[in-house]
Amino acid sequence: MALVRRWREEVYNKKHLAAFDECFDPTVVDHAFPIGQQGNLEEIKHFTDTFLAAFPDLHCTIEDMFAVGDKVAVRFTDIGTQQGTFMEIPQPGSR
């Protein structure tokens, strides 16, 4: 659980993207990625970088976390202001 908490704090709150390499196995696969994308570490990093660029004031608060064996579940709240384009959605008011 400490590793998941560290990842959320370092990457989302401190914007320290190098923490990906410290917190993830290089062979990780995110199965929630859209069809056609592999969800590998480089894609996860790119997605997160794009997300943080669009929401530079983003802050993640972990509400609940529990673990069973090597599986961890997290309930969190992200709060931020969209200040750039994200997934082809323009910044509000930029039209």
PDB file of N, CA and C in Angstrom:
ATOM      1  N   MET A   1       0.819  -1.196   0.000  1.00  0.00           N
ATOM      2  CA  MET A   1       0.000   0.000   0.000  1.00  0.00           C
ATOM      3  C   MET A   1       0.861   1.257   0.000  1.00  0.00           C
ATOM      4  N   ALA A   2       1.984   1.204   0.653  1.00  0.00           N
ATOM      5  CA  ALA A   2       2.847   2.380   0.717  1.00  0.00           C
ATOM      6  C   ALA A   2       3.320   2.791  -0.670  1.00  0.00           C
ATOM      7  N   LEU A   3       3.562   1.817  -1.539  1.00  0.00           N
ATOM      8  CA  LEU A   3       4.016   2.119  -2.893  1.00  0.00           C
ATOM      9  C   LEU A   3       2.923   2.832  -3.693  1.00  0.00           C
ATOM     10  N   VAL A   4       1.689   2.390  -3.548  1.00  0.00           N
ATOM     11  CA  VAL A   4       0.572   3.036  -4.247  1.00  0.00           C
ATOM     12  C   VAL A   4       0.381   4.452  -3.717  1.00  0.00           C
ATOM     13  N   ARG A   5       0.451   4.620  -2.416  1.00  0.00           N
ATOM     14  CA  ARG A   5       0.318   5.953  -1.818  1.00  0.00           C
ATOM     15  C   ARG A   5       1.452   6.869  -2.305  1.00  0.00           C
ATOM     16  N   ARG A   6       2.661   6.329  -2.345  1.00  0.00           N
ATOM     17  CA  ARG A   6       3.811   7.117  -2.806  1.00  0.00           C
ATOM     18  C   ARG A   6       3.633   7.539  -4.261  1.00  0.00           C
ATOM     19  N   TRP A   7       3.170   6.608  -5.104  1.00  0.00           N
ATOM     20  CA  TRP A   7       2.950   6.919  -6.518  1.00  0.00           C
ATOM     21  C   TRP A   7       1.953   8.066  -6.672  1.00  0.00           C
ATOM     22  N   ARG A   8       0.835   8.007  -6.000  1.00  0.00           N
ATOM     23  CA  ARG A   8      -0.167   9.081  -6.084  1.00  0.00           C
ATOM     24  C   ARG A   8       0.411  10.408  -5.588  1.00  0.00           C
ATOM     25  N   GLU A   9       1.114  10.363  -4.487  1.00  0.00           N
ATOM     26  CA  GLU A   9       1.674  11.596  -3.919  1.00  0.00           C
ATOM     27  C   GLU A   9       2.766  12.176  -4.812  1.00  0.00           C
ATOM     28  N   GLU A  10       3.706  11.343  -5.223  1.00  0.00           N
ATOM     29  CA  GLU A  10       4.839  11.835  -6.018  1.00  0.00           C
ATOM     30  C   GLU A  10       4.414  12.316  -7.403  1.00  0.00           C
ATOM     31  N   VAL A  11       3.627  11.504  -8.100  1.00  0.00           N
ATOM     32  CA  VAL A  11       3.279  11.836  -9.490  1.00  0.00           C
ATOM     33  C   VAL A  11       2.190  12.900  -9.554  1.00  0.00           C
ATOM     34  N   TYR A  12       1.086  12.681  -8.894  1.00  0.00           N
ATOM     35  CA  TYR A  12      -0.048  13.594  -9.043  1.00  0.00           C
ATOM     36  C   TYR A  12       0.071  14.861  -8.214  1.00  0.00           C
ATOM     37  N   ASN A  13       0.566  14.752  -7.006  1.00  0.00           N
ATOM     38  CA  ASN A  13       0.625  15.945  -6.155  1.00  0.00           C
ATOM     39  C   ASN A  13       1.930  16.728  -6.294  1.00  0.00           C
ATOM     40  N   LYS A  14       3.039  16.025  -6.467  1.00  0.00           N
ATOM     41  CA  LYS A  14       4.334  16.705  -6.588  1.00  0.00           C
ATOM     42  C   LYS A  14       4.795  16.860  -8.033  1.00  0.00           C
ATOM     43  N   LYS A  15       4.060  16.229  -8.984  1.00  0.00           N
ATOM     44  CA  LYS A  15       4.384  16.294 -10.425  1.00  0.00           C
ATOM     45  C   LYS A  15       5.781  15.752 -10.709  1.00  0.00           C
ATOM     46  N   HIS A  16       6.187  14.725  -9.976  1.00  0.00           N
ATOM     47  CA  HIS A  16       7.499  14.089 -10.099  1.00  0.00           C
ATOM     48  C   HIS A  16       7.338  12.829 -10.942  1.00  0.00           C
ATOM     49  N   LEU A  17       7.338  12.987 -12.268  1.00  0.00           N
ATOM     50  CA  LEU A  17       7.059  11.868 -13.162  1.00  0.00           C
ATOM     51  C   LEU A  17       8.126  10.778 -13.121  1.00  0.00           C
ATOM     52  N   ALA A  18       9.317  11.095 -12.661  1.00  0.00           N
ATOM     53  CA  ALA A  18      10.364  10.073 -12.549  1.00  0.00           C
ATOM     54  C   ALA A  18       9.964   8.983 -11.556  1.00  0.00           C
ATOM     55  N   ALA A  19       9.000   9.272 -10.699  1.00  0.00           N
ATOM     56  CA  ALA A  19       8.546   8.274  -9.730  1.00  0.00           C
ATOM     57  C   ALA A  19       7.901   7.075 -10.416  1.00  0.00           C
ATOM     58  N   PHE A  20       7.445   7.230 -11.657  1.00  0.00           N
ATOM     59  CA  PHE A  20       6.906   6.082 -12.382  1.00  0.00           C
ATOM     60  C   PHE A  20       7.931   4.964 -12.445  1.00  0.00           C
ATOM     61  N   ASP A  21       9.166   5.321 -12.775  1.00  0.00           N
ATOM     62  CA  ASP A  21      10.211   4.309 -12.901  1.00  0.00           C
ATOM     63  C   ASP A  21      10.566   3.677 -11.560  1.00  0.00           C
ATOM     64  N   GLU A  22      10.290   4.382 -10.486  1.00  0.00           N
ATOM     65  CA  GLU A  22      10.579   3.871  -9.152  1.00  0.00           C
ATOM     66  C   GLU A  22       9.421   3.032  -8.600  1.00  0.00           C
ATOM     67  N   CYS A  23       8.211   3.274  -9.107  1.00  0.00           N
ATOM     68  CA  CYS A  23       7.023   2.630  -8.547  1.00  0.00           C
ATOM     69  C   CYS A  23       6.426   1.525  -9.415  1.00  0.00           C
ATOM     70  N   PHE A  24       6.808   1.479 -10.700  1.00  0.00           N
ATOM     71  CA  PHE A  24       6.206   0.505 -11.608  1.00  0.00           C
ATOM     72  C   PHE A  24       7.247  -0.429 -12.195  1.00  0.00           C
ATOM     73  N   ASP A  25       6.861  -1.659 -12.376  1.00  0.00           N
ATOM     74  CA  ASP A  25       7.678  -2.612 -13.113  1.00  0.00           C
ATOM     75  C   ASP A  25       7.645  -2.188 -14.582  1.00  0.00           C
ATOM     76  N   PRO A  26       8.759  -2.252 -15.292  1.00  0.00           N
ATOM     77  CA  PRO A  26       8.775  -1.820 -16.696  1.00  0.00           C
ATOM     78  C   PRO A  26       7.836  -2.621 -17.599  1.00  0.00           C
ATOM     79  N   THR A  27       7.379  -3.794 -17.151  1.00  0.00           N
ATOM     80  CA  THR A  27       6.485  -4.606 -17.974  1.00  0.00           C
ATOM     81  C   THR A  27       5.014  -4.434 -17.605  1.00  0.00           C
ATOM     82  N   VAL A  28       4.694  -3.422 -16.803  1.00  0.00           N
ATOM     83  CA  VAL A  28       3.319  -3.191 -16.369  1.00  0.00           C
ATOM     84  C   VAL A  28       2.398  -3.008 -17.577  1.00  0.00           C
ATOM     85  N   VAL A  29       1.154  -3.462 -17.425  1.00  0.00           N
ATOM     86  CA  VAL A  29       0.123  -3.258 -18.440  1.00  0.00           C
ATOM     87  C   VAL A  29      -1.133  -2.764 -17.722  1.00  0.00           C
ATOM     88  N   ASP A  30      -1.650  -1.623 -18.170  1.00  0.00           N
ATOM     89  CA  ASP A  30      -2.898  -1.081 -17.643  1.00  0.00           C
ATOM     90  C   ASP A  30      -4.012  -1.566 -18.565  1.00  0.00           C
ATOM     91  N   HIS A  31      -4.815  -2.489 -18.091  1.00  0.00           N
ATOM     92  CA  HIS A  31      -5.849  -3.101 -18.919  1.00  0.00           C
ATOM     93  C   HIS A  31      -7.064  -2.197 -19.097  1.00  0.00           C
ATOM     94  N   ALA A  32      -7.084  -1.047 -18.460  1.00  0.00           N
ATOM     95  CA  ALA A  32      -8.196  -0.105 -18.610  1.00  0.00           C
ATOM     96  C   ALA A  32      -7.969   0.872 -19.760  1.00  0.00           C
ATOM     97  N   PHE A  33      -6.839   0.785 -20.443  1.00  0.00           N
ATOM     98  CA  PHE A  33      -6.563   1.678 -21.572  1.00  0.00           C
ATOM     99  C   PHE A  33      -7.519   1.360 -22.721  1.00  0.00           C
ATOM    100  N   PRO A  34      -7.822   2.358 -23.550  1.00  0.00           N
ATOM    101  CA  PRO A  34      -8.741   2.146 -24.679  1.00  0.00           C
ATOM    102  C   PRO A  34      -8.226   1.079 -25.644  1.00  0.00           C
ATOM    103  N   ILE A  35      -9.163   0.472 -26.364  1.00  0.00           N
ATOM    104  CA  ILE A  35      -8.822  -0.532 -27.368  1.00  0.00           C
ATOM    105  C   ILE A  35      -7.863   0.092 -28.377  1.00  0.00           C
ATOM    106  N   GLY A  36      -6.856  -0.667 -28.755  1.00  0.00           N
ATOM    107  CA  GLY A  36      -5.861  -0.178 -29.708  1.00  0.00           C
ATOM    108  C   GLY A  36      -4.622   0.378 -29.033  1.00  0.00           C
ATOM    109  N   GLN A  37      -4.707   0.620 -27.739  1.00  0.00           N
ATOM    110  CA  GLN A  37      -3.537   1.068 -26.991  1.00  0.00           C
ATOM    111  C   GLN A  37      -3.087  -0.075 -26.087  1.00  0.00           C
ATOM    112  N   GLN A  38      -1.789  -0.164 -25.898  1.00  0.00           N
ATOM    113  CA  GLN A  38      -1.246  -1.293 -25.143  1.00  0.00           C
ATOM    114  C   GLN A  38      -1.286  -1.083 -23.640  1.00  0.00           C
ATOM    115  N   GLY A  39      -1.335   0.159 -23.173  1.00  0.00           N
ATOM    116  CA  GLY A  39      -1.350   0.412 -21.743  1.00  0.00           C
ATOM    117  C   GLY A  39      -0.031   0.074 -21.087  1.00  0.00           C
ATOM    118  N   ASN A  40       1.057   0.145 -21.858  1.00  0.00           N
ATOM    119  CA  ASN A  40       2.370  -0.142 -21.276  1.00  0.00           C
ATOM    120  C   ASN A  40       2.875   1.087 -20.514  1.00  0.00           C
ATOM    121  N   LEU A  41       4.020   0.959 -19.898  1.00  0.00           N
ATOM    122  CA  LEU A  41       4.534   2.015 -19.031  1.00  0.00           C
ATOM    123  C   LEU A  41       4.706   3.332 -19.786  1.00  0.00           C
ATOM    124  N   GLU A  42       5.207   3.296 -21.003  1.00  0.00           N
ATOM    125  CA  GLU A  42       5.406   4.538 -21.755  1.00  0.00           C
ATOM    126  C   GLU A  42       4.074   5.217 -22.064  1.00  0.00           C
ATOM    127  N   GLU A  43       3.048   4.442 -22.399  1.00  0.00           N
ATOM    128  CA  GLU A  43       1.729   5.026 -22.660  1.00  0.00           C
ATOM    129  C   GLU A  43       1.113   5.583 -21.382  1.00  0.00           C
ATOM    130  N   ILE A  44       1.306   4.889 -20.272  1.00  0.00           N
ATOM    131  CA  ILE A  44       0.798   5.378 -18.987  1.00  0.00           C
ATOM    132  C   ILE A  44       1.472   6.703 -18.638  1.00  0.00           C
ATOM    133  N   LYS A  45       2.786   6.777 -18.823  1.00  0.00           N
ATOM    134  CA  LYS A  45       3.522   8.018 -18.554  1.00  0.00           C
ATOM    135  C   LYS A  45       3.020   9.153 -19.448  1.00  0.00           C
ATOM    136  N   HIS A  46       2.862   8.850 -20.744  1.00  0.00           N
ATOM    137  CA  HIS A  46       2.408   9.874 -21.693  1.00  0.00           C
ATOM    138  C   HIS A  46       1.011  10.386 -21.322  1.00  0.00           C
ATOM    139  N   PHE A  47       0.110   9.465 -21.015  1.00  0.00           N
ATOM    140  CA  PHE A  47      -1.238   9.847 -20.613  1.00  0.00           C
ATOM    141  C   PHE A  47      -1.193  10.740 -19.373  1.00  0.00           C
ATOM    142  N   THR A  48      -0.420  10.349 -18.393  1.00  0.00           N
ATOM    143  CA  THR A  48      -0.332  11.111 -17.146  1.00  0.00           C
ATOM    144  C   THR A  48       0.285  12.483 -17.384  1.00  0.00           C
ATOM    145  N   ASP A  49       1.322  12.548 -18.208  1.00  0.00           N
ATOM    146  CA  ASP A  49       1.950  13.821 -18.539  1.00  0.00           C
ATOM    147  C   ASP A  49       0.945  14.750 -19.216  1.00  0.00           C
ATOM    148  N   THR A  50       0.160  14.220 -20.149  1.00  0.00           N
ATOM    149  CA  THR A  50      -0.863  15.000 -20.843  1.00  0.00           C
ATOM    150  C   THR A  50      -1.945  15.456 -19.864  1.00  0.00           C
ATOM    151  N   PHE A  51      -2.340  14.569 -18.976  1.00  0.00           N
ATOM    152  CA  PHE A  51      -3.348  14.881 -17.968  1.00  0.00           C
ATOM    153  C   PHE A  51      -2.875  16.008 -17.055  1.00  0.00           C
ATOM    154  N   LEU A  52      -1.631  15.899 -16.579  1.00  0.00           N
ATOM    155  CA  LEU A  52      -1.098  16.917 -15.676  1.00  0.00           C
ATOM    156  C   LEU A  52      -0.858  18.253 -16.384  1.00  0.00           C
ATOM    157  N   ALA A  53      -0.557  18.214 -17.676  1.00  0.00           N
ATOM    158  CA  ALA A  53      -0.401  19.458 -18.435  1.00  0.00           C
ATOM    159  C   ALA A  53      -1.738  20.177 -18.564  1.00  0.00           C
ATOM    160  N   ALA A  54      -2.818  19.433 -18.723  1.00  0.00           N
ATOM    161  CA  ALA A  54      -4.147  20.027 -18.853  1.00  0.00           C
ATOM    162  C   ALA A  54      -4.709  20.468 -17.500  1.00  0.00           C
ATOM    163  N   PHE A  55      -4.274  19.807 -16.442  1.00  0.00           N
ATOM    164  CA  PHE A  55      -4.742  20.113 -15.078  1.00  0.00           C
ATOM    165  C   PHE A  55      -3.540  20.361 -14.177  1.00  0.00           C
ATOM    166  N   PRO A  56      -2.822  21.456 -14.376  1.00  0.00           N
ATOM    167  CA  PRO A  56      -1.560  21.664 -13.644  1.00  0.00           C
ATOM    168  C   PRO A  56      -1.723  21.848 -12.134  1.00  0.00           C
ATOM    169  N   ASP A  57      -2.913  22.217 -11.691  1.00  0.00           N
ATOM    170  CA  ASP A  57      -3.131  22.394 -10.255  1.00  0.00           C
ATOM    171  C   ASP A  57      -3.778  21.153  -9.625  1.00  0.00           C
ATOM    172  N   LEU A  58      -3.759  20.042 -10.341  1.00  0.00           N
ATOM    173  CA  LEU A  58      -4.392  18.814  -9.861  1.00  0.00           C
ATOM    174  C   LEU A  58      -3.852  18.413  -8.493  1.00  0.00           C
ATOM    175  N   HIS A  59      -4.753  17.965  -7.644  1.00  0.00           N
ATOM    176  CA  HIS A  59      -4.353  17.413  -6.351  1.00  0.00           C
ATOM    177  C   HIS A  59      -5.171  16.150  -6.110  1.00  0.00           C
ATOM    178  N   CYS A  60      -4.500  15.090  -5.716  1.00  0.00           N
ATOM    179  CA  CYS A  60      -5.129  13.805  -5.441  1.00  0.00           C
ATOM    180  C   CYS A  60      -5.200  13.586  -3.934  1.00  0.00           C
ATOM    181  N   THR A  61      -6.391  13.243  -3.465  1.00  0.00           N
ATOM    182  CA  THR A  61      -6.585  12.885  -2.062  1.00  0.00           C
ATOM    183  C   THR A  61      -7.034  11.436  -2.003  1.00  0.00           C
ATOM    184  N   ILE A  62      -6.297  10.615  -1.296  1.00  0.00           N
ATOM    185  CA  ILE A  62      -6.684   9.214  -1.114  1.00  0.00           C
ATOM    186  C   ILE A  62      -7.720   9.172   0.000  1.00  0.00           C
ATOM    187  N   GLU A  63      -8.888   8.651  -0.343  1.00  0.00           N
ATOM    188  CA  GLU A  63     -10.001   8.574   0.613  1.00  0.00           C
ATOM    189  C   GLU A  63      -9.974   7.261   1.384  1.00  0.00           C
ATOM    190  N   ASP A  64      -9.760   6.158   0.671  1.00  0.00           N
ATOM    191  CA  ASP A  64      -9.700   4.827   1.271  1.00  0.00           C
ATOM    192  C   ASP A  64      -8.701   3.988   0.501  1.00  0.00           C
ATOM    193  N   MET A  65      -8.100   3.031   1.198  1.00  0.00           N
ATOM    194  CA  MET A  65      -7.183   2.111   0.544  1.00  0.00           C
ATOM    195  C   MET A  65      -7.165   0.817   1.348  1.00  0.00           C
ATOM    196  N   PHE A  66      -7.206  -0.294   0.615  1.00  0.00           N
ATOM    197  CA  PHE A  66      -7.051  -1.573   1.300  1.00  0.00           C
ATOM    198  C   PHE A  66      -6.347  -2.550   0.380  1.00  0.00           C
ATOM    199  N   ALA A  67      -5.759  -3.568   0.985  1.00  0.00           N
ATOM    200  CA  ALA A  67      -4.998  -4.548   0.221  1.00  0.00           C
ATOM    201  C   ALA A  67      -5.365  -5.953   0.667  1.00  0.00           C
ATOM    202  N   VAL A  68      -5.346  -6.853  -0.310  1.00  0.00           N
ATOM    203  CA  VAL A  68      -5.499  -8.276  -0.065  1.00  0.00           C
ATOM    204  C   VAL A  68      -4.404  -8.940  -0.881  1.00  0.00           C
ATOM    205  N   GLY A  69      -3.461  -9.540  -0.206  1.00  0.00           N
ATOM    206  CA  GLY A  69      -2.321 -10.124  -0.915  1.00  0.00           C
ATOM    207  C   GLY A  69      -1.553  -9.031  -1.651  1.00  0.00           C
ATOM    208  N   ASP A  70      -1.353  -9.226  -2.952  1.00  0.00           N
ATOM    209  CA  ASP A  70      -0.605  -8.231  -3.727  1.00  0.00           C
ATOM    210  C   ASP A  70      -1.528  -7.302  -4.516  1.00  0.00           C
ATOM    211  N   LYS A  71      -2.819  -7.293  -4.192  1.00  0.00           N
ATOM    212  CA  LYS A  71      -3.780  -6.420  -4.861  1.00  0.00           C
ATOM    213  C   LYS A  71      -4.162  -5.273  -3.929  1.00  0.00           C
ATOM    214  N   VAL A  72      -4.185  -4.055  -4.500  1.00  0.00           N
ATOM    215  CA  VAL A  72      -4.525  -2.861  -3.719  1.00  0.00           C
ATOM    216  C   VAL A  72      -5.672  -2.144  -4.408  1.00  0.00           C
ATOM    217  N   ALA A  73      -6.661  -1.745  -3.639  1.00  0.00           N
ATOM    218  CA  ALA A  73      -7.768  -0.941  -4.149  1.00  0.00           C
ATOM    219  C   ALA A  73      -7.685   0.436  -3.506  1.00  0.00           C
ATOM    220  N   VAL A  74      -7.939   1.457  -4.309  1.00  0.00           N
ATOM    221  CA  VAL A  74      -7.841   2.832  -3.825  1.00  0.00           C
ATOM    222  C   VAL A  74      -9.086   3.595  -4.256  1.00  0.00           C
ATOM    223  N   ARG A  75      -9.663   4.335  -3.348  1.00  0.00           N
ATOM    224  CA  ARG A  75     -10.718   5.297  -3.672  1.00  0.00           C
ATOM    225  C   ARG A  75     -10.109   6.662  -3.451  1.00  0.00           C
ATOM    226  N   PHE A  76     -10.107   7.473  -4.500  1.00  0.00           N
ATOM    227  CA  PHE A  76      -9.441   8.765  -4.404  1.00  0.00           C
ATOM    228  C   PHE A  76     -10.282   9.841  -5.061  1.00  0.00           C
ATOM    229  N   THR A  77      -9.973  11.084  -4.721  1.00  0.00           N
ATOM    230  CA  THR A  77     -10.600  12.245  -5.329  1.00  0.00           C
ATOM    231  C   THR A  77      -9.512  13.086  -5.956  1.00  0.00           C
ATOM    232  N   ASP A  78      -9.669  13.383  -7.240  1.00  0.00           N
ATOM    233  CA  ASP A  78      -8.778  14.311  -7.934  1.00  0.00           C
ATOM    234  C   ASP A  78      -9.523  15.628  -8.104  1.00  0.00           C
ATOM    235  N   ILE A  79      -8.875  16.718  -7.746  1.00  0.00           N
ATOM    236  CA  ILE A  79      -9.452  18.050  -7.926  1.00  0.00           C
ATOM    237  C   ILE A  79      -8.449  18.888  -8.697  1.00  0.00           C
ATOM    238  N   GLY A  80      -8.928  19.537  -9.757  1.00  0.00           N
ATOM    239  CA  GLY A  80      -8.056  20.391 -10.552  1.00  0.00           C
ATOM    240  C   GLY A  80      -8.885  21.207 -11.535  1.00  0.00           C
ATOM    241  N   THR A  81      -8.256  22.205 -12.104  1.00  0.00           N
ATOM    242  CA  THR A  81      -8.886  23.097 -13.066  1.00  0.00           C
ATOM    243  C   THR A  81      -8.303  22.824 -14.440  1.00  0.00           C
ATOM    244  N   GLN A  82      -9.160  22.527 -15.405  1.00  0.00           N
ATOM    245  CA  GLN A  82      -8.660  22.275 -16.753  1.00  0.00           C
ATOM    246  C   GLN A  82      -8.155  23.590 -17.340  1.00  0.00           C
ATOM    247  N   GLN A  83      -6.847  23.594 -17.653  1.00  0.00           N
ATOM    248  CA  GLN A  83      -6.199  24.797 -18.183  1.00  0.00           C
ATOM    249  C   GLN A  83      -5.555  24.547 -19.530  1.00  0.00           C
ATOM    250  N   GLY A  84      -5.880  23.429 -20.159  1.00  0.00           N
ATOM    251  CA  GLY A  84      -5.358  23.089 -21.471  1.00  0.00           C
ATOM    252  C   GLY A  84      -6.192  21.985 -22.078  1.00  0.00           C
ATOM    253  N   THR A  85      -5.916  21.658 -23.331  1.00  0.00           N
ATOM    254  CA  THR A  85      -6.655  20.610 -24.019  1.00  0.00           C
ATOM    255  C   THR A  85      -6.312  19.249 -23.433  1.00  0.00           C
ATOM    256  N   PHE A  86      -7.341  18.433 -23.253  1.00  0.00           N
ATOM    257  CA  PHE A  86      -7.141  17.081 -22.751  1.00  0.00           C
ATOM    258  C   PHE A  86      -8.035  16.138 -23.530  1.00  0.00           C
ATOM    259  N   MET A  87      -7.428  15.128 -24.176  1.00  0.00           N
ATOM    260  CA  MET A  87      -8.146  14.144 -24.974  1.00  0.00           C
ATOM    261  C   MET A  87      -9.104  14.838 -25.956  1.00  0.00           C
ATOM    262  N   GLU A  88      -8.581  15.829 -26.629  1.00  0.00           N
ATOM    263  CA  GLU A  88      -9.293  16.612 -27.632  1.00  0.00           C
ATOM    264  C   GLU A  88     -10.418  17.467 -27.050  1.00  0.00           C
ATOM    265  N   ILE A  89     -10.485  17.577 -25.746  1.00  0.00           N
ATOM    266  CA  ILE A  89     -11.459  18.446 -25.097  1.00  0.00           C
ATOM    267  C   ILE A  89     -10.741  19.757 -24.775  1.00  0.00           C
ATOM    268  N   PRO A  90     -11.149  20.858 -25.422  1.00  0.00           N
ATOM    269  CA  PRO A  90     -10.448  22.116 -25.188  1.00  0.00           C
ATOM    270  C   PRO A  90     -10.684  22.664 -23.802  1.00  0.00           C
ATOM    271  N   GLN A  91      -9.790  23.532 -23.399  1.00  0.00           N
ATOM    272  CA  GLN A  91      -9.934  24.220 -22.122  1.00  0.00           C
ATOM    273  C   GLN A  91     -11.263  24.961 -22.123  1.00  0.00           C
ATOM    274  N   PRO A  92     -12.022  24.883 -21.048  1.00  0.00           N
ATOM    275  CA  PRO A  92     -13.299  25.602 -20.994  1.00  0.00           C
ATOM    276  C   PRO A  92     -13.096  27.097 -21.287  1.00  0.00           C
ATOM    277  N   GLY A  93     -13.998  27.636 -22.079  1.00  0.00           N
ATOM    278  CA  GLY A  93     -13.944  29.054 -22.412  1.00  0.00           C
ATOM    279  C   GLY A  93     -12.974  29.405 -23.521  1.00  0.00           C
ATOM    280  N   SER A  94     -12.357  28.402 -24.157  1.00  0.00           N
ATOM    281  CA  SER A  94     -11.357  28.686 -25.180  1.00  0.00           C
ATOM    282  C   SER A  94     -11.936  28.671 -26.593  1.00  0.00           C
ATOM    283  N   ARG A  95     -13.206  28.495 -26.716  1.00  0.00           N
ATOM    284  CA  ARG A  95     -13.823  28.445 -28.047  1.00  0.00           C
ATOM    285  C   ARG A  95     -14.045  29.802 -28.615  1.00  0.00           C
TER     286      ARG A  95
END
